[in-house]
Amino acid sequence: MILDYKEIGKRIARRRRQLGLTQAQVSEMVDISDPYMSSIERAVSIPSTEVIMRLAAALDTTPDAFLVGTAIPSDGGEWRGVAELLRDLDEQQLSAARSFLTWLREQEL
């Protein structure tokens, strides 16, 4: 799967505008610089998995809404709690969480 970073940036910007937030406000919420936020939206910089996760949490959506364009859940409750747990993980922990979530999705519960 090839990620289209220009489209990802557009999705992030669209969601930010839907919420009536400025780039500066989101930058502060996500703890990144204003120029970096701008460069993500313009596809000049490629955000890390961690930054995508923090942007999704700050913009009340899911990472896949940015990465592949899927719709956000209508209730927003359960996934937000999971996103909050993921927010402060380091790269190694995020990788382990992603592996576990991929495995979990494949299970028939």
C-alpha atoms as a PDB file:
ATOM      1  CA  MET A   1       0.000   0.000   0.000  1.00  0.00           C
ATOM      2  CA  ILE A   2       1.395   3.362  -1.035  1.00  0.00           C
ATOM      3  CA  LEU A   3       0.431   6.329   1.109  1.00  0.00           C
ATOM      4  CA  ASP A   4      -0.457   9.569  -0.661  1.00  0.00           C
ATOM      5  CA  TYR A   5       0.975  12.205   1.676  1.00  0.00           C
ATOM      6  CA  LYS A   6      -0.581  15.031  -0.303  1.00  0.00           C
ATOM      7  CA  GLU A   7      -4.015  13.489   0.294  1.00  0.00           C
ATOM      8  CA  ILE A   8      -3.178  12.816   3.954  1.00  0.00           C
ATOM      9  CA  GLY A   9      -2.270  16.484   4.395  1.00  0.00           C
ATOM     10  CA  LYS A  10      -5.536  17.534   2.732  1.00  0.00           C
ATOM     11  CA  ARG A  11      -7.534  15.263   5.041  1.00  0.00           C
ATOM     12  CA  ILE A  12      -5.804  16.678   8.111  1.00  0.00           C
ATOM     13  CA  ALA A  13      -6.414  20.256   6.955  1.00  0.00           C
ATOM     14  CA  ARG A  14     -10.045  19.492   6.090  1.00  0.00           C
ATOM     15  CA  ARG A  15     -10.712  17.991   9.517  1.00  0.00           C
ATOM     16  CA  ARG A  16      -8.972  20.902  11.254  1.00  0.00           C
ATOM     17  CA  ARG A  17     -11.137  23.389   9.360  1.00  0.00           C
ATOM     18  CA  GLN A  18     -14.298  21.365  10.111  1.00  0.00           C
ATOM     19  CA  LEU A  19     -13.541  21.859  13.805  1.00  0.00           C
ATOM     20  CA  GLY A  20     -12.833  25.566  13.298  1.00  0.00           C
ATOM     21  CA  LEU A  21      -9.245  25.283  14.483  1.00  0.00           C
ATOM     22  CA  THR A  22      -6.157  27.088  13.249  1.00  0.00           C
ATOM     23  CA  GLN A  23      -2.876  25.384  12.462  1.00  0.00           C
ATOM     24  CA  ALA A  24      -1.372  27.115  15.497  1.00  0.00           C
ATOM     25  CA  GLN A  25      -4.069  25.734  17.791  1.00  0.00           C
ATOM     26  CA  VAL A  26      -3.594  22.191  16.515  1.00  0.00           C
ATOM     27  CA  SER A  27       0.196  22.521  16.670  1.00  0.00           C
ATOM     28  CA  GLU A  28      -0.059  23.417  20.327  1.00  0.00           C
ATOM     29  CA  MET A  29      -2.473  20.549  21.063  1.00  0.00           C
ATOM     30  CA  VAL A  30      -0.178  18.039  19.340  1.00  0.00           C
ATOM     31  CA  ASP A  31       3.069  19.554  20.638  1.00  0.00           C
ATOM     32  CA  ILE A  32       4.638  20.218  17.245  1.00  0.00           C
ATOM     33  CA  SER A  33       5.841  23.477  15.713  1.00  0.00           C
ATOM     34  CA  ASP A  34       3.571  25.658  13.580  1.00  0.00           C
ATOM     35  CA  PRO A  35       5.863  25.340  10.520  1.00  0.00           C
ATOM     36  CA  TYR A  36       5.868  21.523  10.885  1.00  0.00           C
ATOM     37  CA  MET A  37       2.054  21.491  11.027  1.00  0.00           C
ATOM     38  CA  SER A  38       1.927  23.594   7.880  1.00  0.00           C
ATOM     39  CA  SER A  39       4.431  21.355   6.106  1.00  0.00           C
ATOM     40  CA  ILE A  40       2.404  18.238   7.002  1.00  0.00           C
ATOM     41  CA  GLU A  41      -0.749  19.748   5.503  1.00  0.00           C
ATOM     42  CA  ARG A  42       1.177  20.718   2.354  1.00  0.00           C
ATOM     43  CA  ALA A  43       2.875  17.293   2.119  1.00  0.00           C
ATOM     44  CA  VAL A  44       6.322  18.854   2.436  1.00  0.00           C
ATOM     45  CA  SER A  45       7.027  16.768   5.559  1.00  0.00           C
ATOM     46  CA  ILE A  46       5.995  13.184   6.237  1.00  0.00           C
ATOM     47  CA  PRO A  47       4.580  12.803   9.758  1.00  0.00           C
ATOM     48  CA  SER A  48       5.601   9.891  11.955  1.00  0.00           C
ATOM     49  CA  THR A  49       3.083   7.342  13.182  1.00  0.00           C
ATOM     50  CA  GLU A  50       3.194   9.026  16.566  1.00  0.00           C
ATOM     51  CA  VAL A  51       2.343  12.430  15.087  1.00  0.00           C
ATOM     52  CA  ILE A  52      -0.521  10.925  13.052  1.00  0.00           C
ATOM     53  CA  MET A  53      -1.878   9.355  16.252  1.00  0.00           C
ATOM     54  CA  ARG A  54      -1.621  12.647  18.158  1.00  0.00           C
ATOM     55  CA  LEU A  55      -3.243  14.581  15.304  1.00  0.00           C
ATOM     56  CA  ALA A  56      -6.103  12.083  15.185  1.00  0.00           C
ATOM     57  CA  ALA A  57      -6.691  12.367  18.923  1.00  0.00           C
ATOM     58  CA  ALA A  58      -6.510  16.181  18.837  1.00  0.00           C
ATOM     59  CA  LEU A  59      -8.862  16.376  15.863  1.00  0.00           C
ATOM     60  CA  ASP A  60     -11.313  13.845  17.319  1.00  0.00           C
ATOM     61  CA  THR A  61     -10.966  11.258  14.582  1.00  0.00           C
ATOM     62  CA  THR A  62      -9.093   8.060  13.840  1.00  0.00           C
ATOM     63  CA  PRO A  63      -5.679   7.719  12.185  1.00  0.00           C
ATOM     64  CA  ASP A  64      -7.224   5.765   9.313  1.00  0.00           C
ATOM     65  CA  ALA A  65      -9.400   8.790   8.515  1.00  0.00           C
ATOM     66  CA  PHE A  66      -6.157  10.559   7.566  1.00  0.00           C
ATOM     67  CA  LEU A  67      -4.274   7.595   6.116  1.00  0.00           C
ATOM     68  CA  VAL A  68      -6.962   5.973   3.975  1.00  0.00           C
ATOM     69  CA  GLY A  69      -9.933   8.283   4.257  1.00  0.00           C
ATOM     70  CA  THR A  70     -12.350   6.098   6.202  1.00  0.00           C
ATOM     71  CA  ALA A  71     -15.153   7.704   8.158  1.00  0.00           C
ATOM     72  CA  ILE A  72     -14.879   8.418  11.859  1.00  0.00           C
ATOM     73  CA  PRO A  73     -17.109   6.443  14.220  1.00  0.00           C
ATOM     74  CA  SER A  74     -20.374   8.198  14.990  1.00  0.00           C
ATOM     75  CA  ASP A  75     -20.222   7.748  18.767  1.00  0.00           C
ATOM     76  CA  GLY A  76     -16.524   8.548  19.183  1.00  0.00           C
ATOM     77  CA  GLY A  77     -16.413   7.092  22.680  1.00  0.00           C
ATOM     78  CA  GLU A  78     -14.531   3.815  22.749  1.00  0.00           C
ATOM     79  CA  TRP A  79     -11.875   4.575  20.125  1.00  0.00           C
ATOM     80  CA  ARG A  80     -11.047   7.881  21.841  1.00  0.00           C
ATOM     81  CA  GLY A  81     -10.166   6.048  25.051  1.00  0.00           C
ATOM     82  CA  VAL A  82      -7.878   3.745  23.087  1.00  0.00           C
ATOM     83  CA  ALA A  83      -6.322   6.726  21.299  1.00  0.00           C
ATOM     84  CA  GLU A  84      -5.622   8.366  24.659  1.00  0.00           C
ATOM     85  CA  LEU A  85      -3.790   5.232  25.808  1.00  0.00           C
ATOM     86  CA  LEU A  86      -1.644   5.335  22.672  1.00  0.00           C
ATOM     87  CA  ARG A  87      -0.869   9.049  22.855  1.00  0.00           C
ATOM     88  CA  ASP A  88       2.234   8.890  25.079  1.00  0.00           C
ATOM     89  CA  LEU A  89       3.772   5.687  23.735  1.00  0.00           C
ATOM     90  CA  ASP A  90       7.240   5.731  22.188  1.00  0.00           C
ATOM     91  CA  GLU A  91       7.921   4.384  18.682  1.00  0.00           C
ATOM     92  CA  GLN A  92       8.679   0.852  19.908  1.00  0.00           C
ATOM     93  CA  GLN A  93       5.508   0.721  21.997  1.00  0.00           C
ATOM     94  CA  LEU A  94       3.428   2.096  19.117  1.00  0.00           C
ATOM     95  CA  SER A  95       4.848  -0.582  16.841  1.00  0.00           C
ATOM     96  CA  ALA A  96       3.886  -3.279  19.360  1.00  0.00           C
ATOM     97  CA  ALA A  97       0.410  -1.764  19.750  1.00  0.00           C
ATOM     98  CA  ARG A  98      -0.049  -1.702  15.974  1.00  0.00           C
ATOM     99  CA  SER A  99       0.990  -5.359  15.719  1.00  0.00           C
ATOM    100  CA  PHE A 100      -1.413  -6.327  18.471  1.00  0.00           C
ATOM    101  CA  LEU A 101      -4.297  -4.340  16.946  1.00  0.00           C
ATOM    102  CA  THR A 102      -3.638  -5.895  13.546  1.00  0.00           C
ATOM    103  CA  TRP A 103      -3.727  -9.348  15.132  1.00  0.00           C
ATOM    104  CA  LEU A 104      -6.863  -8.492  17.120  1.00  0.00           C
ATOM    105  CA  ARG A 105      -8.700  -7.285  14.025  1.00  0.00           C
ATOM    106  CA  GLU A 106      -8.058 -10.651  12.373  1.00  0.00           C
ATOM    107  CA  GLN A 107      -9.605 -12.588  15.278  1.00  0.00           C
ATOM    108  CA  GLU A 108     -13.179 -13.833  15.228  1.00  0.00           C
ATOM    109  CA  LEU A 109     -14.459 -12.815  18.639  1.00  0.00           C
END
